[in-house]
Amino acid sequence: MKPYYKDEACTIYHGDCREILPTLEKVDLVLTDPPYGLNRKMQGGTWGVAYSCSDMLKWDYVLSPAEMERILSIESKMIIWGANNYSMPPSRCWLVWLKPCLATLSDVELAWTNFDAPAKCFKNNRISKASGHPTEKPLELFKWCIEMSKTTDTILDPFMGSGTTLRAAKDLGRKAIGIELEEKYCEIAARRLEQGVLNLGI
């Protein structure tokens, strides 16, 4: 399948991950924030991003047990945000994003991992500048996830959204693959990746 976008570090595919995943090579880490199916229950969202319930209904569906099982069958390390909305295998290492500045009804957000490690907590406010997706996670959070996972090879996000996983990977010198069903988010992610790599002071 022809990529929607590709550079020396990152590749974006516009399409359904159920069709694209079987065509990909092995990856080192799956880092993703899949849809939770909250729809009209959702309140808050990313600062500065306007959205409507009708717009959310297009993409905020619930993954079927078979779809989640397909993700879990990928042989790699895994960090899946919002997994508390699904039936997941037991995990010793849940990740917690604690929001000191409570801007939504959710004080924390949770991620399931398949790591054999103690649970970890990351304290960080919501993002200060949104890229265009109503449930976008902070770039700093996903950089923390990558560094904490000790991943050095390719990272995969099958529900890419506006490309935070790929931007974090590129900033940290990793390779990444993103898959997204909505073309407008592919375009946002591509624009983010075209920006220069941030100076990490290394």
Protein backbone atom coordinates (compact mmCIF):
# COMPACT_ATOMS: atom_id res chain seq x y z
CA MET A 1 0.00 0.00 0.00
CA LYS A 2 1.31 3.44 -0.92
CA PRO A 3 2.01 5.63 2.14
CA TYR A 4 0.08 8.87 2.60
CA TYR A 5 3.31 10.42 3.90
CA LYS A 6 6.86 9.18 4.34
CA ASP A 7 10.15 10.70 5.49
CA GLU A 8 13.40 9.28 6.83
CA ALA A 9 11.81 8.43 10.20
CA CYS A 10 8.04 8.20 9.87
CA THR A 11 5.42 6.64 7.61
CA ILE A 12 1.69 7.41 7.57
CA TYR A 13 -0.94 5.14 6.03
CA HIS A 14 -4.44 6.47 5.38
CA GLY A 15 -6.86 3.59 5.80
CA ASP A 16 -8.32 0.93 8.07
CA CYS A 17 -5.75 -0.62 10.40
CA ARG A 18 -7.53 -3.98 10.09
CA GLU A 19 -6.47 -4.07 6.44
CA ILE A 20 -3.02 -2.51 6.83
CA LEU A 21 -1.66 -4.28 9.93
CA PRO A 22 -1.17 -7.67 8.24
CA THR A 23 1.08 -6.03 5.62
CA LEU A 24 3.55 -4.50 8.12
CA GLU A 25 6.87 -5.81 9.38
CA LYS A 26 7.48 -6.50 13.07
CA VAL A 27 7.68 -3.44 15.32
CA ASP A 28 9.27 -2.90 18.73
CA LEU A 29 6.44 -0.96 20.41
CA VAL A 30 2.74 -0.34 19.87
CA LEU A 31 1.89 3.04 21.41
CA THR A 32 -1.68 4.10 20.74
CA ASP A 33 -4.79 5.85 22.01
CA PRO A 34 -7.69 4.02 20.31
CA PRO A 35 -11.29 5.23 20.28
CA TYR A 36 -13.23 4.52 23.46
CA GLY A 37 -16.79 4.89 22.21
CA LEU A 38 -17.69 7.57 24.77
CA ASN A 39 -19.41 9.76 22.16
CA ARG A 40 -21.95 11.96 23.95
CA LYS A 41 -20.55 11.05 27.38
CA MET A 42 -17.36 12.92 26.59
CA GLN A 43 -16.96 16.33 28.16
CA GLY A 44 -13.91 18.56 28.03
CA GLY A 45 -11.47 17.47 25.36
CA THR A 46 -8.32 19.15 24.19
CA TRP A 47 -7.93 22.87 24.85
CA GLY A 48 -8.83 25.02 21.88
CA VAL A 49 -10.34 22.27 19.71
CA ALA A 50 -14.02 22.65 18.92
CA TYR A 51 -15.92 19.47 18.18
CA SER A 52 -19.49 18.30 17.93
CA CYS A 53 -21.13 15.05 18.97
CA SER A 54 -22.03 14.37 15.34
CA ASP A 55 -18.38 14.71 14.33
CA MET A 56 -17.26 12.42 17.13
CA LEU A 57 -19.75 9.75 16.11
CA LYS A 58 -17.77 9.34 12.88
CA TRP A 59 -14.61 8.14 14.62
CA ASP A 60 -15.26 7.51 18.32
CA TYR A 61 -16.58 3.97 17.94
CA VAL A 62 -16.01 1.00 20.24
CA LEU A 63 -13.52 -1.60 19.08
CA SER A 64 -15.04 -5.06 18.95
CA PRO A 65 -13.41 -7.80 21.08
CA ALA A 66 -12.01 -9.27 17.84
CA GLU A 67 -10.49 -5.91 16.84
CA MET A 68 -8.84 -5.46 20.23
CA GLU A 69 -7.62 -9.05 20.11
CA ARG A 70 -6.02 -8.29 16.73
CA ILE A 71 -4.10 -5.41 18.28
CA LEU A 72 -3.05 -7.51 21.27
CA SER A 73 -1.82 -10.29 18.97
CA ILE A 74 0.96 -8.05 17.63
CA GLU A 75 4.24 -9.41 19.00
CA SER A 76 5.75 -6.31 20.57
CA LYS A 77 5.79 -4.16 23.66
CA MET A 78 2.47 -2.37 24.11
CA ILE A 79 1.07 0.80 25.66
CA ILE A 80 -2.65 1.26 25.03
CA TRP A 81 -4.27 4.40 26.45
CA GLY A 82 -7.92 4.26 27.44
CA ALA A 83 -7.74 0.50 27.85
CA ASN A 84 -9.75 0.79 31.07
CA ASN A 85 -12.75 1.11 28.71
CA TYR A 86 -12.07 -2.40 27.41
CA SER A 87 -11.69 -5.91 28.82
CA MET A 88 -7.93 -6.37 28.92
CA PRO A 89 -5.59 -9.09 30.18
CA PRO A 90 -4.18 -8.57 33.70
CA SER A 91 -1.25 -6.18 33.81
CA ARG A 92 1.31 -5.42 36.49
CA CYS A 93 2.30 -2.12 34.88
CA TRP A 94 -0.59 0.28 34.30
CA LEU A 95 0.45 3.82 33.40
CA VAL A 96 -1.35 6.79 34.93
CA TRP A 97 -1.48 10.29 33.50
CA LEU A 98 -2.28 12.61 36.42
CA LYS A 99 -3.61 16.03 35.42
CA PRO A 100 -2.67 18.56 38.14
CA CYS A 101 -4.77 21.25 36.43
CA LEU A 102 -8.19 19.65 36.20
CA ALA A 103 -9.68 20.95 32.97
CA THR A 104 -12.00 18.00 32.31
CA LEU A 105 -14.13 15.58 34.31
CA SER A 106 -11.28 13.07 34.16
CA ASP A 107 -8.67 13.58 36.89
CA VAL A 108 -6.45 10.86 35.42
CA GLU A 109 -6.18 8.69 32.32
CA LEU A 110 -4.95 5.10 32.25
CA ALA A 111 -2.88 3.03 29.85
CA TRP A 112 -2.54 -0.76 29.80
CA THR A 113 0.88 -2.25 29.11
CA ASN A 114 2.25 -5.75 28.76
CA PHE A 115 5.36 -4.76 30.74
CA ASP A 116 6.53 -6.80 33.73
CA ALA A 117 7.31 -3.69 35.76
CA PRO A 118 5.82 -1.54 38.55
CA ALA A 119 2.99 0.84 37.69
CA LYS A 120 4.13 4.36 36.75
CA CYS A 121 2.63 7.85 37.00
CA PHE A 122 3.24 10.91 34.81
CA LYS A 123 2.15 14.33 36.03
CA ASN A 124 1.45 16.88 33.32
CA ASN A 125 -1.27 19.38 32.45
CA ARG A 126 -3.27 19.26 29.25
CA ILE A 127 -1.50 20.40 26.10
CA SER A 128 -1.19 24.15 25.69
CA LYS A 129 -1.49 24.15 21.90
CA ALA A 130 -3.78 21.69 20.12
CA SER A 131 -3.00 20.33 16.66
CA GLY A 132 -6.61 19.67 15.68
CA HIS A 133 -7.84 16.48 17.35
CA PRO A 134 -10.31 16.75 20.27
CA THR A 135 -8.70 13.94 22.32
CA GLU A 136 -5.07 14.69 21.55
CA LYS A 137 -2.58 13.62 24.21
CA PRO A 138 0.38 15.81 25.26
CA LEU A 139 3.58 15.29 23.31
CA GLU A 140 5.52 15.13 26.59
CA LEU A 141 3.35 12.21 27.76
CA PHE A 142 4.11 10.13 24.67
CA LYS A 143 7.83 10.95 24.84
CA TRP A 144 7.76 9.69 28.43
CA CYS A 145 6.04 6.50 27.26
CA ILE A 146 8.69 5.85 24.61
CA GLU A 147 11.62 6.53 26.93
CA MET A 148 10.09 4.48 29.75
CA SER A 149 9.56 1.54 27.37
CA LYS A 150 13.28 1.58 26.44
CA THR A 151 12.27 1.24 22.81
CA THR A 152 15.03 1.74 20.27
CA ASP A 153 13.39 0.37 17.12
CA THR A 154 10.17 1.07 15.19
CA ILE A 155 7.02 2.29 16.96
CA LEU A 156 3.51 1.66 15.62
CA ASP A 157 0.31 3.63 16.24
CA PRO A 158 -2.67 1.94 14.49
CA PHE A 159 -5.03 4.75 15.64
CA MET A 160 -2.74 7.67 14.88
CA GLY A 161 -5.10 10.64 15.17
CA SER A 162 -3.12 13.86 14.75
CA GLY A 163 0.24 12.07 14.95
CA THR A 164 1.47 12.63 18.51
CA THR A 165 3.09 9.18 18.66
CA LEU A 166 4.99 9.81 15.43
CA ARG A 167 6.05 13.32 16.41
CA ALA A 168 7.33 12.03 19.77
CA ALA A 169 9.19 9.18 18.08
CA LYS A 170 10.82 11.49 15.54
CA ASP A 171 11.90 13.96 18.22
CA LEU A 172 13.55 11.08 20.12
CA GLY A 173 15.33 9.68 17.07
CA ARG A 174 13.07 6.65 16.60
CA LYS A 175 11.26 5.35 13.52
CA ALA A 176 7.45 5.17 13.57
CA ILE A 177 4.45 4.04 11.55
CA GLY A 178 0.99 5.57 11.91
CA ILE A 179 -2.37 4.39 10.53
CA GLU A 180 -5.41 6.68 10.48
CA LEU A 181 -8.90 6.27 9.03
CA GLU A 182 -9.74 10.00 8.79
CA GLU A 183 -7.78 11.80 6.08
CA LYS A 184 -7.98 15.20 7.77
CA TYR A 185 -5.97 13.83 10.70
CA CYS A 186 -3.43 12.28 8.31
CA GLU A 187 -2.90 15.76 6.87
CA ILE A 188 -2.48 17.30 10.33
CA ALA A 189 0.02 14.60 11.29
CA ALA A 190 1.97 15.07 8.06
CA ARG A 191 2.27 18.82 8.73
CA ARG A 192 3.52 18.13 12.26
CA LEU A 193 6.17 15.74 10.94
CA GLU A 194 7.37 18.24 8.34
CA GLN A 195 8.45 20.57 11.13
CA GLY A 196 12.09 20.31 12.18
CA VAL A 197 13.12 17.89 14.91
CA LEU A 198 13.08 19.66 18.25
CA ASN A 199 16.38 20.51 19.92
CA LEU A 200 16.57 18.24 22.96
CA GLY A 201 19.74 19.84 24.25
CA ILE A 202 21.76 16.65 23.76
